[in-house]
Amino acid sequence: MNNFISKIRTAFISLMRQKSRTFLTVIAVAIGIAALIIMISAGNGLKSMVLSELEVYGANVINVEVRVPGKSTTGSITGFATGISITTFTNKDVEIISNLPNVEAHYSYVTGQEIIKREGEAKSVMIFGYGGNAPSIEKINIEKGRFYSVEEEESISSVIILGSGIKDFLFGDGNAINEKVYIKNMSFKVVGVLKKSGANYGFDMDSIVYIPTLTLQKKILGTDYVMGLSVKVKDPEKINETKEDIIYLLRDRHNIDDPIEDDFEAMTIDEAKSMIDTVLSAITFLLTVVAAISLLVGGVGITNIMYVSVAERKFEVGLRRSIGAKKNDILWQFLIEAGILTFLGGVFGVIIGLGVSYLIYYVAVSFGINWSYSISLLSIISALVFSVGVGIFFGVYPAKKAANTDPINALRKD
């Protein structure tokens, strides 16, 4: 034990003789480890953010959304982004699905964008057309007032719920409930105001408004189709069976024989969570691998630095060998130096990585994004072990070269 401590002490003394080189090597390793920590933390934060957005739904919910026929889900998103609109999922489809025996509640949804006005104030807003049953299927946080009813939706009532930011813009600190706002020169009665919630689903939820689906369709958009439908089932044990019933029904109504031509996609919330978790885990893994590769590249630099150190200390090695040091002593001496370099780099890298990860978390939260600061102790320990492992692995060759130095040649003067 004393011999090992002596080797560590000697290694520190040797490293301190080349302070600049040691510092730069430690920094290079620290950057690689910091990148590793940041990638892991960012991946965990992103996964937590996305999955938490699905927590507004219960496990007994099926979501049906339109998609571009013949495209994957990703292809559909690209299609919508380029202006493709699917008009085949109609109100009649929604009505027939709602009559399935295991359906307890449902709501369909559409979106639009219009100018909302009040007393000279005007602002462009995203309008969510949600059915009156929405609060019984997903969590909608009302701060003041109420959500509109199914009866108000069916009667195509001009009622509206304001996001907190829109309420503040139009009414300031004043009361908004039962007041009127205007969209396309039509008056809408404010029945509710949402709690401040920040960003969700890629939208600033404080800058949106809700109106009944049928009201948005008939009075503003002039359509009879929807973007999607959320269904709450009575018996969760039969949720997959109900999903298959919905798929069969829609294929029959839309005259679809080949599943690849589906113009819709049905998925349970548990399936959505599993798919998202798999995708985000894969992304996190790939980002971590990229960061690890950068650390391995740094390991090549360690080999070069240790090789130069061996060449510079050839006389020292020869002297130690001539007074009785064994090859194994010299080998371990240089391996310990490589290990110390990478361990110090790992420690500083972890500190930097945790600091930057917290900064990302702080900025995200300040912008209202539901981000989490998540990095496990196991990840930190793994990063440190990996760092030291890289140092030892890439330090083996120069350490062996030092150990095999001929003491006579090393001590010979030119």
Protein backbone atom coordinates (compact mmCIF):
# COMPACT_ATOMS: atom_id res chain seq x y z
CA MET A 1 0.00 0.00 0.00
CA ASN A 2 2.80 2.40 0.93
CA ASN A 3 4.52 1.55 -2.36
CA PHE A 4 1.37 2.45 -4.31
CA ILE A 5 0.97 5.74 -2.42
CA SER A 6 4.60 6.49 -3.16
CA LYS A 7 3.93 5.92 -6.88
CA ILE A 8 0.99 8.33 -6.77
CA ARG A 9 3.11 10.96 -5.01
CA THR A 10 5.88 10.55 -7.59
CA ALA A 11 3.32 10.79 -10.42
CA PHE A 12 1.98 14.09 -9.04
CA ILE A 13 5.50 15.50 -8.77
CA SER A 14 6.24 14.49 -12.37
CA LEU A 15 3.00 16.03 -13.65
CA MET A 16 3.61 19.29 -11.79
CA ARG A 17 6.94 19.71 -13.55
CA GLN A 18 4.95 20.31 -16.74
CA LYS A 19 2.10 22.42 -15.38
CA SER A 20 0.96 23.86 -18.73
CA ARG A 21 0.92 20.49 -20.47
CA THR A 22 -0.88 18.88 -17.52
CA PHE A 23 -3.45 21.70 -17.38
CA LEU A 24 -4.24 21.52 -21.11
CA THR A 25 -4.59 17.74 -20.98
CA VAL A 26 -6.94 17.93 -18.00
CA ILE A 27 -9.03 20.58 -19.78
CA ALA A 28 -9.26 18.46 -22.94
CA VAL A 29 -10.53 15.49 -20.95
CA ALA A 30 -12.86 17.74 -18.91
CA ILE A 31 -14.52 19.04 -22.08
CA GLY A 32 -15.20 15.49 -23.26
CA ILE A 33 -16.65 14.41 -19.91
CA ALA A 34 -18.70 17.62 -19.63
CA ALA A 35 -20.18 16.95 -23.08
CA LEU A 36 -21.03 13.42 -21.94
CA ILE A 37 -22.79 14.66 -18.80
CA ILE A 38 -24.65 17.42 -20.68
CA MET A 39 -25.89 14.99 -23.34
CA ILE A 40 -27.16 12.52 -20.73
CA SER A 41 -28.82 15.28 -18.71
CA ALA A 42 -30.37 16.93 -21.78
CA GLY A 43 -31.68 13.59 -23.00
CA ASN A 44 -33.27 12.88 -19.61
CA GLY A 45 -34.72 16.39 -19.48
CA LEU A 46 -36.18 16.14 -22.97
CA LYS A 47 -37.69 12.73 -22.22
CA SER A 48 -39.19 13.99 -18.97
CA MET A 49 -40.63 17.06 -20.70
CA VAL A 50 -42.28 15.14 -23.54
CA LEU A 51 -43.61 12.31 -21.39
CA SER A 52 -44.96 14.74 -18.79
CA GLU A 53 -47.03 16.38 -21.53
CA LEU A 54 -48.80 13.06 -22.01
CA GLU A 55 -49.59 12.88 -18.29
CA VAL A 56 -52.60 15.12 -18.93
CA TYR A 57 -54.26 11.99 -20.33
CA GLY A 58 -55.23 8.88 -18.44
CA ALA A 59 -54.08 5.39 -19.36
CA ASN A 60 -57.60 4.61 -20.64
CA VAL A 61 -57.44 7.06 -23.57
CA ILE A 62 -57.15 6.38 -27.30
CA ASN A 63 -56.04 9.19 -29.57
CA VAL A 64 -56.94 9.20 -33.28
CA GLU A 65 -55.26 11.72 -35.57
CA VAL A 66 -55.26 12.29 -39.31
CA ARG A 67 -52.13 11.48 -41.28
CA VAL A 68 -50.95 11.70 -44.87
CA PRO A 69 -51.84 8.38 -46.58
CA GLY A 70 -48.83 6.25 -47.45
CA LYS A 71 -46.57 8.15 -45.06
CA SER A 72 -45.08 7.31 -41.70
CA THR A 73 -45.92 9.51 -38.72
CA THR A 74 -42.79 11.56 -39.46
CA GLY A 75 -43.83 11.85 -43.08
CA SER A 76 -47.24 13.10 -42.01
CA ILE A 77 -45.72 15.80 -39.84
CA THR A 78 -43.58 16.92 -42.79
CA GLY A 79 -46.64 16.91 -45.00
CA PHE A 80 -48.68 19.08 -42.62
CA ALA A 81 -45.74 21.47 -42.28
CA THR A 82 -45.74 21.96 -46.05
CA GLY A 83 -49.45 22.74 -46.14
CA ILE A 84 -51.08 19.35 -46.81
CA SER A 85 -54.54 19.18 -45.26
CA ILE A 86 -56.47 15.95 -44.62
CA THR A 87 -60.23 16.46 -44.81
CA THR A 88 -61.49 12.86 -44.64
CA PHE A 89 -61.96 12.61 -40.86
CA THR A 90 -65.42 14.11 -40.53
CA ASN A 91 -67.90 14.90 -37.78
CA LYS A 92 -69.92 11.87 -38.91
CA ASP A 93 -66.89 9.63 -38.26
CA VAL A 94 -66.64 11.13 -34.78
CA GLU A 95 -70.33 10.49 -34.11
CA ILE A 96 -70.15 6.84 -35.17
CA ILE A 97 -67.00 6.20 -33.10
CA SER A 98 -68.68 7.77 -30.06
CA ASN A 99 -71.42 5.12 -30.28
CA LEU A 100 -69.00 2.20 -29.88
CA PRO A 101 -69.99 0.18 -26.78
CA ASN A 102 -66.75 0.74 -24.82
CA VAL A 103 -66.60 4.51 -25.37
CA GLU A 104 -67.37 6.47 -22.21
CA ALA A 105 -66.54 9.99 -23.42
CA HIS A 106 -64.94 11.68 -26.40
CA TYR A 107 -64.01 15.01 -27.86
CA SER A 108 -62.81 16.00 -31.32
CA TYR A 109 -60.45 18.86 -32.03
CA VAL A 110 -59.41 21.29 -34.73
CA THR A 111 -57.14 24.31 -34.74
CA GLY A 112 -57.13 27.68 -36.43
CA GLN A 113 -55.51 31.08 -36.21
CA GLU A 114 -57.35 34.38 -36.12
CA ILE A 115 -57.19 37.91 -34.72
CA ILE A 116 -58.84 38.41 -31.34
CA LYS A 117 -59.96 41.96 -30.48
CA ARG A 118 -61.31 44.00 -27.61
CA GLU A 119 -61.59 47.77 -27.26
CA GLY A 120 -58.88 48.62 -29.77
CA GLU A 121 -56.54 45.86 -28.67
CA ALA A 122 -55.88 43.11 -31.23
CA LYS A 123 -53.65 40.07 -31.31
CA SER A 124 -53.18 36.99 -33.48
CA VAL A 125 -53.95 33.84 -31.50
CA MET A 126 -53.93 30.10 -31.98
CA ILE A 127 -57.45 28.77 -31.51
CA PHE A 128 -57.97 25.28 -30.16
CA GLY A 129 -61.39 23.92 -31.05
CA TYR A 130 -62.02 21.36 -28.29
CA GLY A 131 -65.17 19.40 -27.55
CA GLY A 132 -67.09 20.02 -24.36
CA ASN A 133 -66.00 16.67 -22.88
CA ALA A 134 -62.31 17.58 -23.03
CA PRO A 135 -61.90 18.18 -19.24
CA SER A 136 -63.16 14.65 -18.50
CA ILE A 137 -60.44 13.16 -20.74
CA GLU A 138 -57.42 15.40 -20.26
CA LYS A 139 -56.32 17.84 -17.60
CA ILE A 140 -57.29 21.43 -18.42
CA ASN A 141 -56.46 23.86 -15.62
CA ILE A 142 -59.04 26.61 -15.27
CA GLU A 143 -58.06 29.47 -12.95
CA LYS A 144 -61.28 31.46 -13.16
CA GLY A 145 -64.70 30.65 -14.51
CA ARG A 146 -65.41 27.28 -16.12
CA PHE A 147 -65.03 25.15 -19.23
CA TYR A 148 -67.92 25.25 -21.67
CA SER A 149 -70.42 22.39 -21.67
CA VAL A 150 -71.33 19.74 -24.24
CA GLU A 151 -74.69 21.47 -24.62
CA GLU A 152 -72.97 24.77 -25.47
CA GLU A 153 -70.90 22.98 -28.09
CA GLU A 154 -73.89 21.22 -29.63
CA SER A 155 -75.79 24.50 -29.84
CA ILE A 156 -72.75 26.15 -31.50
CA SER A 157 -72.54 28.74 -28.74
CA SER A 158 -70.12 31.65 -29.05
CA VAL A 159 -68.20 31.00 -25.84
CA ILE A 160 -64.47 31.21 -25.30
CA ILE A 161 -61.77 30.37 -22.77
CA LEU A 162 -58.68 32.59 -22.71
CA GLY A 163 -55.08 31.67 -22.00
CA SER A 164 -53.66 33.71 -19.12
CA GLY A 165 -51.41 35.73 -21.44
CA ILE A 166 -54.29 36.64 -23.77
CA LYS A 167 -56.43 37.58 -20.79
CA ASP A 168 -53.71 39.89 -19.46
CA PHE A 169 -53.23 41.44 -22.91
CA LEU A 170 -56.93 42.19 -23.42
CA PHE A 171 -58.11 42.86 -19.86
CA GLY A 172 -55.00 43.62 -17.81
CA ASP A 173 -55.81 43.14 -14.12
CA GLY A 174 -59.53 43.47 -14.79
CA ASN A 175 -62.15 40.75 -14.74
CA ALA A 176 -62.67 38.87 -18.00
CA ILE A 177 -65.45 36.45 -17.05
CA ASN A 178 -68.75 37.15 -18.87
CA GLU A 179 -67.06 39.92 -20.89
CA LYS A 180 -66.98 39.91 -24.69
CA VAL A 181 -64.15 39.57 -27.16
CA TYR A 182 -64.36 39.57 -30.94
CA ILE A 183 -63.12 37.15 -33.63
CA LYS A 184 -63.96 37.84 -37.30
CA ASN A 185 -66.39 40.54 -36.11
CA MET A 186 -68.34 38.00 -34.05
CA SER A 187 -68.68 38.41 -30.31
CA PHE A 188 -67.64 35.61 -27.95
CA LYS A 189 -68.51 35.44 -24.27
CA VAL A 190 -65.55 34.69 -21.99
CA VAL A 191 -66.55 31.83 -19.68
CA GLY A 192 -63.12 30.85 -18.38
CA VAL A 193 -59.45 31.79 -18.00
CA LEU A 194 -56.67 29.20 -17.95
CA LYS A 195 -53.99 28.97 -15.30
CA LYS A 196 -50.56 30.13 -16.36
CA SER A 197 -48.78 27.04 -17.71
CA GLY A 198 -46.03 28.11 -20.14
CA ALA A 199 -45.04 25.98 -23.11
CA ASN A 200 -46.68 22.64 -23.82
CA TYR A 201 -46.91 20.51 -26.98
CA GLY A 202 -44.72 23.08 -28.69
CA PHE A 203 -47.23 25.88 -28.04
CA ASP A 204 -47.22 28.78 -25.63
CA MET A 205 -50.32 27.66 -23.75
CA ASP A 206 -50.73 31.11 -22.21
CA SER A 207 -51.28 32.60 -25.67
CA ILE A 208 -54.01 30.29 -26.94
CA VAL A 209 -57.80 30.27 -26.65
CA TYR A 210 -60.35 27.45 -26.55
CA ILE A 211 -63.73 27.52 -28.25
CA PRO A 212 -66.12 24.60 -28.93
CA THR A 213 -65.13 22.41 -31.88
CA LEU A 214 -68.44 22.88 -33.71
CA THR A 215 -68.33 26.63 -33.13
CA LEU A 216 -64.86 26.87 -34.65
CA GLN A 217 -65.90 24.69 -37.58
CA LYS A 218 -69.21 26.36 -38.41
CA LYS A 219 -68.63 30.01 -37.51
CA ILE A 220 -64.95 30.53 -38.31
CA LEU A 221 -63.45 27.79 -40.49
CA GLY A 222 -66.50 26.73 -42.50
CA THR A 223 -65.57 23.01 -42.37
CA ASP A 224 -66.97 19.72 -41.09
CA TYR A 225 -63.75 17.78 -40.60
CA VAL A 226 -61.45 17.43 -37.60
CA MET A 227 -57.75 16.92 -36.98
CA GLY A 228 -58.22 14.30 -34.32
CA LEU A 229 -60.31 12.63 -31.67
CA SER A 230 -59.62 11.58 -28.09
CA VAL A 231 -61.65 8.70 -26.69
CA LYS A 232 -61.97 7.63 -23.07
CA VAL A 233 -62.93 3.96 -22.69
CA LYS A 234 -65.17 2.41 -20.04
CA ASP A 235 -63.16 -0.78 -19.59
CA PRO A 236 -59.37 -0.28 -19.79
CA GLU A 237 -58.94 -4.04 -20.20
CA LYS A 238 -60.64 -3.76 -23.60
CA ILE A 239 -58.78 -0.65 -24.77
CA ASN A 240 -56.83 -2.47 -27.50
CA GLU A 241 -60.01 -4.13 -28.72
CA THR A 242 -61.70 -0.73 -28.91
CA LYS A 243 -58.74 0.69 -30.80
CA GLU A 244 -59.05 -2.09 -33.38
CA ASP A 245 -62.80 -1.38 -33.67
CA ILE A 246 -62.01 2.27 -34.44
CA ILE A 247 -59.42 1.29 -37.04
CA TYR A 248 -61.83 -1.16 -38.72
CA LEU A 249 -64.65 1.39 -38.69
CA LEU A 250 -62.59 4.19 -40.23
CA ARG A 251 -61.07 1.95 -42.91
CA ASP A 252 -64.54 0.81 -43.85
CA ARG A 253 -65.94 4.35 -44.00
CA HIS A 254 -62.91 5.69 -45.92
CA ASN A 255 -62.81 2.73 -48.35
CA ILE A 256 -59.28 1.72 -47.33
CA ASP A 257 -58.13 -1.83 -48.13
CA ASP A 258 -54.37 -1.44 -47.63
CA PRO A 259 -53.26 -0.29 -44.14
CA ILE A 260 -50.42 1.70 -45.72
CA GLU A 261 -53.09 3.97 -47.20
CA ASP A 262 -54.61 4.82 -43.82
CA ASP A 263 -55.43 8.51 -43.58
CA PHE A 264 -55.52 8.29 -39.80
CA GLU A 265 -53.53 6.81 -36.93
CA ALA A 266 -55.00 5.37 -33.73
CA MET A 267 -52.84 4.92 -30.67
CA THR A 268 -53.38 4.37 -26.96
CA ILE A 269 -51.64 6.75 -24.58
CA ASP A 270 -49.50 3.90 -23.23
CA GLU A 271 -48.40 3.09 -26.79
CA ALA A 272 -47.60 6.76 -27.40
CA LYS A 273 -45.52 6.91 -24.21
CA SER A 274 -43.66 3.73 -25.12
CA MET A 275 -42.94 4.95 -28.66
CA ILE A 276 -41.74 8.37 -27.46
CA ASP A 277 -39.63 6.80 -24.72
CA THR A 278 -37.97 4.49 -27.27
CA VAL A 279 -37.28 7.31 -29.72
CA LEU A 280 -35.91 9.70 -27.10
CA SER A 281 -33.79 6.97 -25.50
CA ALA A 282 -32.28 6.24 -28.91
CA ILE A 283 -31.56 9.94 -29.46
CA THR A 284 -29.95 10.22 -26.01
CA PHE A 285 -27.85 7.14 -26.70
CA LEU A 286 -26.63 8.49 -30.04
CA LEU A 287 -25.76 11.87 -28.53
CA THR A 288 -23.91 10.11 -25.70
CA VAL A 289 -21.98 7.99 -28.19
CA VAL A 290 -20.95 11.14 -30.08
CA ALA A 291 -19.72 12.70 -26.83
CA ALA A 292 -17.90 9.48 -25.92
CA ILE A 293 -16.18 9.45 -29.32
CA SER A 294 -14.92 12.98 -28.70
CA LEU A 295 -13.46 11.71 -25.42
CA LEU A 296 -11.78 8.82 -27.23
CA VAL A 297 -10.26 11.31 -29.66
CA GLY A 298 -8.91 13.09 -26.59
CA GLY A 299 -7.42 9.75 -25.55
CA VAL A 300 -5.24 9.80 -28.67
CA GLY A 301 -3.92 13.13 -27.45
CA ILE A 302 -3.09 11.52 -24.11
CA THR A 303 -1.05 8.88 -25.94
CA ASN A 304 0.93 11.60 -27.72
CA ILE A 305 1.50 13.56 -24.51
CA MET A 306 2.61 10.50 -22.57
CA TYR A 307 4.86 9.44 -25.47
CA VAL A 308 6.56 12.87 -25.40
CA SER A 309 6.86 12.61 -21.62
CA VAL A 310 8.61 9.23 -21.96
CA ALA A 311 11.06 10.67 -24.49
CA GLU A 312 11.81 13.68 -22.28
CA ARG A 313 12.33 11.55 -19.17
CA LYS A 314 14.46 8.89 -20.79
CA PHE A 315 17.41 9.69 -18.53
CA GLU A 316 15.19 9.58 -15.42
CA VAL A 317 13.83 6.18 -16.44
CA GLY A 318 17.32 4.85 -17.13
CA LEU A 319 18.55 6.12 -13.76
CA ARG A 320 15.68 4.45 -11.89
CA ARG A 321 16.21 1.19 -13.76
CA SER A 322 19.95 1.27 -12.97
CA ILE A 323 19.33 1.54 -9.22
CA GLY A 324 16.92 -1.38 -9.12
CA ALA A 325 13.49 -0.25 -10.37
CA LYS A 326 11.73 -3.07 -12.18
CA LYS A 327 9.95 -2.82 -15.54
CA ASN A 328 6.64 -3.23 -13.73
CA ASP A 329 7.45 -0.23 -11.49
CA ILE A 330 8.11 2.00 -14.51
CA LEU A 331 4.99 0.70 -16.30
CA TRP A 332 2.74 1.49 -13.35
CA GLN A 333 4.39 4.85 -12.81
CA PHE A 334 3.32 6.10 -16.25
CA LEU A 335 -0.10 4.40 -16.09
CA ILE A 336 -0.78 6.14 -12.77
CA GLU A 337 0.16 9.48 -14.35
CA ALA A 338 -2.29 8.86 -17.22
CA GLY A 339 -4.95 7.81 -14.72
CA ILE A 340 -4.43 10.94 -12.60
CA LEU A 341 -4.68 13.18 -15.67
CA THR A 342 -7.95 11.67 -16.82
CA PHE A 343 -9.40 11.39 -13.30
CA LEU A 344 -8.81 15.10 -12.68
CA GLY A 345 -10.23 15.85 -16.12
CA GLY A 346 -13.23 13.67 -15.27
CA VAL A 347 -13.87 15.47 -11.97
CA PHE A 348 -13.69 18.92 -13.56
CA GLY A 349 -15.75 17.65 -16.50
CA VAL A 350 -18.50 16.42 -14.17
CA ILE A 351 -18.55 19.77 -12.35
CA ILE A 352 -18.73 21.69 -15.63
CA GLY A 353 -21.33 19.29 -17.05
CA LEU A 354 -23.57 19.56 -13.99
CA GLY A 355 -23.25 23.34 -14.03
CA VAL A 356 -24.12 23.69 -17.72
CA SER A 357 -26.98 21.18 -17.34
CA TYR A 358 -28.42 23.25 -14.50
CA LEU A 359 -28.07 26.40 -16.60
CA ILE A 360 -30.05 24.69 -19.41
CA TYR A 361 -32.68 23.68 -16.86
CA TYR A 362 -32.87 27.21 -15.42
CA VAL A 363 -33.24 28.85 -18.86
CA ALA A 364 -35.86 26.29 -19.94
CA VAL A 365 -37.92 26.79 -16.79
CA SER A 366 -37.66 30.57 -17.08
CA PHE A 367 -39.26 30.26 -20.53
CA GLY A 368 -42.07 28.15 -19.09
CA ILE A 369 -40.77 24.83 -20.47
CA ASN A 370 -41.48 21.81 -18.26
CA TRP A 371 -37.84 20.69 -18.10
CA SER A 372 -36.24 18.52 -15.42
CA TYR A 373 -32.72 18.62 -14.00
CA SER A 374 -31.93 14.94 -14.04
CA ILE A 375 -28.56 13.19 -13.85
CA SER A 376 -28.08 10.02 -11.81
CA LEU A 377 -25.19 9.26 -9.49
CA LEU A 378 -24.58 6.12 -11.57
CA SER A 379 -24.10 8.28 -14.68
CA ILE A 380 -21.55 10.45 -12.86
CA ILE A 381 -19.63 7.43 -11.55
CA SER A 382 -19.77 5.81 -15.01
CA ALA A 383 -18.40 8.97 -16.61
CA LEU A 384 -15.49 9.07 -14.15
CA VAL A 385 -14.72 5.38 -14.61
CA PHE A 386 -14.90 5.78 -18.39
CA SER A 387 -12.59 8.80 -18.19
CA VAL A 388 -9.95 6.95 -16.15
CA GLY A 389 -10.37 3.90 -18.36
CA VAL A 390 -9.64 5.99 -21.46
CA GLY A 391 -6.51 7.37 -19.81
CA ILE A 392 -5.19 3.97 -18.81
CA PHE A 393 -6.07 2.40 -22.19
CA PHE A 394 -4.32 5.08 -24.19
CA GLY A 395 -1.47 5.27 -21.70
CA VAL A 396 -0.54 1.60 -21.99
CA TYR A 397 1.61 1.93 -25.13
CA PRO A 398 3.84 4.81 -23.92
CA ALA A 399 4.03 3.18 -20.45
CA LYS A 400 5.25 -0.08 -21.99
CA LYS A 401 7.76 1.85 -24.07
CA ALA A 402 9.08 3.50 -20.91
CA ALA A 403 9.23 0.17 -19.08
CA ASN A 404 11.23 -1.42 -21.89
CA THR A 405 13.82 1.36 -21.97
CA ASP A 406 17.41 0.06 -21.96
CA PRO A 407 19.01 1.71 -18.89
CA ILE A 408 22.47 1.77 -20.46
CA ASN A 409 21.29 3.54 -23.63
CA ALA A 410 19.14 5.89 -21.53
CA LEU A 411 22.10 6.96 -19.40
CA ARG A 412 24.56 7.25 -22.25
CA LYS A 413 25.66 10.86 -22.85
CA ASP A 414 25.90 12.14 -26.42
